[in-house]
Amino acid sequence: MRYFIDLPTLFLVIEQSDKKDVVRVNNAFTQRLTMQANRVSDNALWDDAYNYMLAPNEKFLASNFDDRTLLDNEVDGVIFLNTQAEIVWQYGFEFGAAADTKRRVARPPMSDEQLRTQVHIAAHLPDDGARKRLAGYLRTPKSPVEVIASPIFPTGYGDGTTASVGTLVMWSWVDRDYVNAIATQTGFNIGGQFLPEGVASLAPVWRYLLTEDVRPRDKDDRIYWLLRDVKDEPLMMLWLTLEPLAFETALFSDALVAGLLAAIFLLLGLAWVVRRWLILPLNELERQMEFITTGARYDHRLSVQSYQELNRLAEQFNVLLGEVCERENQARRKHQELHLASISDALTGLANRRYLDQFMDEAWLRSLSQASTYALVLIDIDHFKKYNDFYGHAAGDRILQEVARTIHDHQPARDALTARYGGEEFCMVVPGISPSALQALCERICVSIVHRALEHQVSEAGVVTVSVGGICVDASEPEVRQLAQDTALRTIFKAADQALYEAKRGGRNRACMGRLPASAG
């Protein structure tokens, strides 16, 4: 009887679980796009890139873009487009080569038409700090390509009236290595097939995927679905190869038919026995299955008191539930790890620019509601470019890590945040601190960096030093509270940046405190 009553419910649960697996894989693709988009945005919001687009020069490219840059950013190519969607400079690897033997491409895999109509972002002003950007997939003759594009602005958007001067594009081949990285991240066995001609590449037997999200598990334990490009056209057919089901799915055999016929005659005379040992346990089993499927309570286990086979079926189903529950837990842990990675700077471990912007807004609103102080500190490593040119990028990275660790050690424990703001620039947001305490904090940071005695032969001091600019505003003051929300943080940031400039102009290795301009209120 289990073949007629139990299997439909089991298959319903399995189909729902399989669809969740597909959702996890799609989420992994989306999370990679989001992480890469954040990286490209950080590189596009940069004075050096902005100045390069105004006056292209080989020195900037040689200092900042090489094979290591692509490996660090997990991409296969970089493109700078001007405002007319023309290539100013590009650098990338050929499709299909091993990591240590990759050859450069003569031109990007995308066509000029794709760059102009689908990738290029027209020049525009920053809108309340928000920038247009593209994150998705394109079709090329050799392979699908992951494309991330972001407009190029000066650091901090300048004074807010500066338009973008071009588009920074980073791209990656969606090849076997790309799919394997997603498979490793999700823990699934993932396969894929490129559709070079879109719908025309789909055999008739697969055309139903155009209207259905997922094809149910087939006899080979595979699930199929489509990955689409930025124009929502089919780009790849993806599939998951899952573990075989933990229970027997064959419906009929000669012995089973004979047994069922005999059971029917026996049930006519043993109605009470059937009700006691079959109907009631099955009703209870169905009730528990419905409880699991409707609420996604995969940590629940079936429990029935009946004949041996029904008990064994419940045990097999419990094994399947255990696997589903473990996958849920793994996906939850992976999501937490990805979230942490999305708000952290990969090199220093500090918060990244994206999370800094969010934290600054939230901290400012708290300061307004509590009528407390709001402090902003900008820290810049003195002569860092000279250090990189003299000691090399690897040593420069270590200095960034050492300085970041020292600055973070001075961060007040409560309600404060330290972030990497730019290449060698750091930012600390400290709500609720007094002006005198802020000045002492800035001076301690300068002194601590000097005491680290990190060698810097091309600096006047002989060791690595930093310049610090800070500002502390009292959100309870009327002239501060009347600042418009969309300009308040920009005004405070410009005041801190001006203080940092004064520290640089005053000889570096010092801290200067700024104040809001008299016209700010």
Foldseek 3Di string as FASTA:
>chain_A
DCLVQVVVLVLVLVQVLVVVLVVLLVVLLVLVLLLLLVVQQQVQQAQLVQVCLVPPDVVSCVLADDLVNCVVSVFFKKFWAFLQLDTPDMWGFDPPDDSVDTDIDPDDQDDSVCSRPPAWDHKDFQDLNDWDKDFWWDAGQPAIKTKIKTFHAYHVNPLRPDIGGTIMMTMHGCDPVVVVVSCVLLVFDKDKDFQNPFPVSDDPVCNCLVPDAKDGQDPQRKIWHFGATPVRTGTMIMMTRDDDQLDDNDNDDPVVVVVVVVVVVVCVVPVVVCVVAPVVQSVQQVVVSCVCVVVVPLVDADDGDHDDVVRVVSVSVNVVSVVSVVSVVSSVVSVVVSVLSSQADPLQRFGEQVVVVVLLLVLVVVLLVVQAKKKKKKKFKPPLVVQCVVVNVVVSSVLLNVLSVLLVVLAPPPSKGKYARHDRMIMIIDIRDDPVVVQVSQLVSQVVQVVVQDADCPDPSRHIGMEMFMEMDGSNDPLLVPQDSSCNVVQRVVQRVVQSVVCVVVPGSHYGYGYGDPPRD
